[in-house]
C-alpha cells in the first residue's frame, strides 16, 4: 500500500511540476510577444520621427536656396545702384 501511495504521489508531483513548467513557458512566450509589440511600436515611432525630420530638412534647404537667390538678387541691385560698384 505504501508503494502505491508513493507511486501516485510521485506521479502527482510530476504532474504538478509539468503544469508549473507549462505555465512558466506560456508566461515567458507572452512576455516576449509583449516586448516585441512594444519594440515594434518604438521602431515605428522613430521611423515616423525620422520621416518628419527629413521633411523639415528638405523645407529648410528650400528656404536656404530661396534666401541665397534673394541675396544674389539684392547684391546685384546694390551693385547697380552703388556709384563705386560695391567696393569700399
C-alpha atoms as a PDB file:
ATOM      1  CA  UNK A   1       0.000   0.000   0.000  1.00  0.00           C
ATOM      2  CA  UNK A   2       2.841   2.378   0.783  1.00  0.00           C
ATOM      3  CA  UNK A   3       4.424   1.704  -2.575  1.00  0.00           C
ATOM      4  CA  UNK A   4       1.193   2.561  -4.380  1.00  0.00           C
ATOM      5  CA  UNK A   5       0.862   5.790  -2.409  1.00  0.00           C
ATOM      6  CA  UNK A   6       4.484   6.608  -3.170  1.00  0.00           C
ATOM      7  CA  UNK A   7       3.993   5.997  -6.911  1.00  0.00           C
ATOM      8  CA  UNK A   8       0.776   8.013  -7.051  1.00  0.00           C
ATOM      9  CA  UNK A   9       2.429  10.789  -5.031  1.00  0.00           C
ATOM     10  CA  UNK A  10       5.370  10.850  -7.439  1.00  0.00           C
ATOM     11  CA  UNK A  11       3.032  10.935 -10.437  1.00  0.00           C
ATOM     12  CA  UNK A  12       1.057  13.782  -8.839  1.00  0.00           C
ATOM     13  CA  UNK A  13       4.286  15.650  -8.106  1.00  0.00           C
ATOM     14  CA  UNK A  14       5.493  15.222 -11.683  1.00  0.00           C
ATOM     15  CA  UNK A  15       2.098  16.359 -12.996  1.00  0.00           C
ATOM     16  CA  UNK A  16       2.178  19.470 -10.826  1.00  0.00           C
ATOM     17  CA  UNK A  17       5.750  20.193 -11.894  1.00  0.00           C
ATOM     18  CA  UNK A  18       4.846  19.717 -15.572  1.00  0.00           C
ATOM     19  CA  UNK A  19       1.852  22.040 -15.187  1.00  0.00           C
ATOM     20  CA  UNK A  20       4.026  24.653 -13.468  1.00  0.00           C
ATOM     21  CA  UNK A  21       6.633  24.448 -16.230  1.00  0.00           C
ATOM     22  CA  UNK A  22       3.899  24.804 -18.854  1.00  0.00           C
ATOM     23  CA  UNK A  23       2.518  27.910 -17.108  1.00  0.00           C
ATOM     24  CA  UNK A  24       6.006  29.430 -16.907  1.00  0.00           C
ATOM     25  CA  UNK A  25       6.632  28.730 -20.594  1.00  0.00           C
ATOM     26  CA  UNK A  26       3.329  30.350 -21.588  1.00  0.00           C
ATOM     27  CA  UNK A  27       4.124  33.369 -19.416  1.00  0.00           C
ATOM     28  CA  UNK A  28       7.594  33.642 -20.970  1.00  0.00           C
ATOM     29  CA  UNK A  29       6.214  33.476 -24.518  1.00  0.00           C
ATOM     30  CA  UNK A  30       3.538  36.079 -23.674  1.00  0.00           C
ATOM     31  CA  UNK A  31       6.172  38.344 -22.145  1.00  0.00           C
ATOM     32  CA  UNK A  32       8.364  38.099 -25.236  1.00  0.00           C
ATOM     33  CA  UNK A  33       5.386  38.775 -27.511  1.00  0.00           C
ATOM     34  CA  UNK A  34       4.501  41.848 -25.477  1.00  0.00           C
ATOM     35  CA  UNK A  35       8.097  43.048 -25.585  1.00  0.00           C
ATOM     36  CA  UNK A  36       8.146  42.548 -29.352  1.00  0.00           C
ATOM     37  CA  UNK A  37       4.983  44.638 -29.711  1.00  0.00           C
ATOM     38  CA  UNK A  38       6.473  47.397 -27.568  1.00  0.00           C
ATOM     39  CA  UNK A  39       9.712  47.435 -29.551  1.00  0.00           C
ATOM     40  CA  UNK A  40       7.791  47.422 -32.827  1.00  0.00           C
ATOM     41  CA  UNK A  41       5.801  50.422 -31.610  1.00  0.00           C
ATOM     42  CA  UNK A  42       9.008  52.203 -30.654  1.00  0.00           C
ATOM     43  CA  UNK A  43      10.568  51.460 -34.032  1.00  0.00           C
ATOM     44  CA  UNK A  44       7.510  52.795 -35.840  1.00  0.00           C
ATOM     45  CA  UNK A  45       7.577  55.968 -33.722  1.00  0.00           C
ATOM     46  CA  UNK A  46      11.268  56.528 -34.515  1.00  0.00           C
ATOM     47  CA  UNK A  47      10.586  55.906 -38.206  1.00  0.00           C
ATOM     48  CA  UNK A  48       7.799  58.495 -38.198  1.00  0.00           C
ATOM     49  CA  UNK A  49      10.069  60.987 -36.413  1.00  0.00           C
ATOM     50  CA  UNK A  50      12.852  60.383 -38.942  1.00  0.00           C
ATOM     51  CA  UNK A  51      10.420  60.995 -41.807  1.00  0.00           C
ATOM     52  CA  UNK A  52       9.212  64.255 -40.195  1.00  0.00           C
ATOM     53  CA  UNK A  53      12.793  65.405 -39.686  1.00  0.00           C
ATOM     54  CA  UNK A  54      13.661  64.567 -43.295  1.00  0.00           C
ATOM     55  CA  UNK A  55      10.687  66.652 -44.461  1.00  0.00           C
ATOM     56  CA  UNK A  56      11.717  69.547 -42.209  1.00  0.00           C
ATOM     57  CA  UNK A  57      15.278  69.355 -43.516  1.00  0.00           C
ATOM     58  CA  UNK A  58      14.028  69.474 -47.101  1.00  0.00           C
ATOM     59  CA  UNK A  59      11.957  72.562 -46.247  1.00  0.00           C
ATOM     60  CA  UNK A  60      14.965  74.225 -44.611  1.00  0.00           C
ATOM     61  CA  UNK A  61      17.106  73.507 -47.680  1.00  0.00           C
ATOM     62  CA  UNK A  62      14.417  75.007 -49.939  1.00  0.00           C
ATOM     63  CA  UNK A  63      14.221  78.128 -47.760  1.00  0.00           C
ATOM     64  CA  UNK A  64      18.014  78.436 -47.772  1.00  0.00           C
ATOM     65  CA  UNK A  65      18.108  78.161 -51.562  1.00  0.00           C
ATOM     66  CA  UNK A  66      15.434  80.872 -51.837  1.00  0.00           C
ATOM     67  CA  UNK A  67      17.353  83.136 -49.434  1.00  0.00           C
ATOM     68  CA  UNK A  68      20.577  82.633 -51.378  1.00  0.00           C
ATOM     69  CA  UNK A  69      18.820  83.559 -54.616  1.00  0.00           C
ATOM     70  CA  UNK A  70      17.293  86.637 -52.984  1.00  0.00           C
ATOM     71  CA  UNK A  71      20.702  87.584 -51.592  1.00  0.00           C
ATOM     72  CA  UNK A  72      22.281  87.347 -55.052  1.00  0.00           C
ATOM     73  CA  UNK A  73      19.476  89.477 -56.488  1.00  0.00           C
ATOM     74  CA  UNK A  74      19.901  92.129 -53.790  1.00  0.00           C
ATOM     75  CA  UNK A  75      23.688  92.204 -54.252  1.00  0.00           C
ATOM     76  CA  UNK A  76      23.126  92.767 -57.981  1.00  0.00           C
ATOM     77  CA  UNK A  77      20.671  95.604 -57.278  1.00  0.00           C
ATOM     78  CA  UNK A  78      23.047  97.250 -54.799  1.00  0.00           C
ATOM     79  CA  UNK A  79      25.936  96.859 -57.223  1.00  0.00           C
ATOM     80  CA  UNK A  80      23.949  98.666 -59.932  1.00  0.00           C
ATOM     81  CA  UNK A  81      22.869 101.442 -57.548  1.00  0.00           C
ATOM     82  CA  UNK A  82      26.231 101.999 -55.865  1.00  0.00           C
ATOM     83  CA  UNK A  83      28.358 104.671 -57.530  1.00  0.00           C
ATOM     84  CA  UNK A  84      31.521 102.738 -56.724  1.00  0.00           C
ATOM     85  CA  UNK A  85      30.035  99.320 -57.695  1.00  0.00           C
ATOM     86  CA  UNK A  86      30.022  97.997 -54.186  1.00  0.00           C
ATOM     87  CA  UNK A  87      33.721  98.468 -53.444  1.00  0.00           C
ATOM     88  CA  UNK A  88      34.502 100.244 -50.153  1.00  0.00           C
END
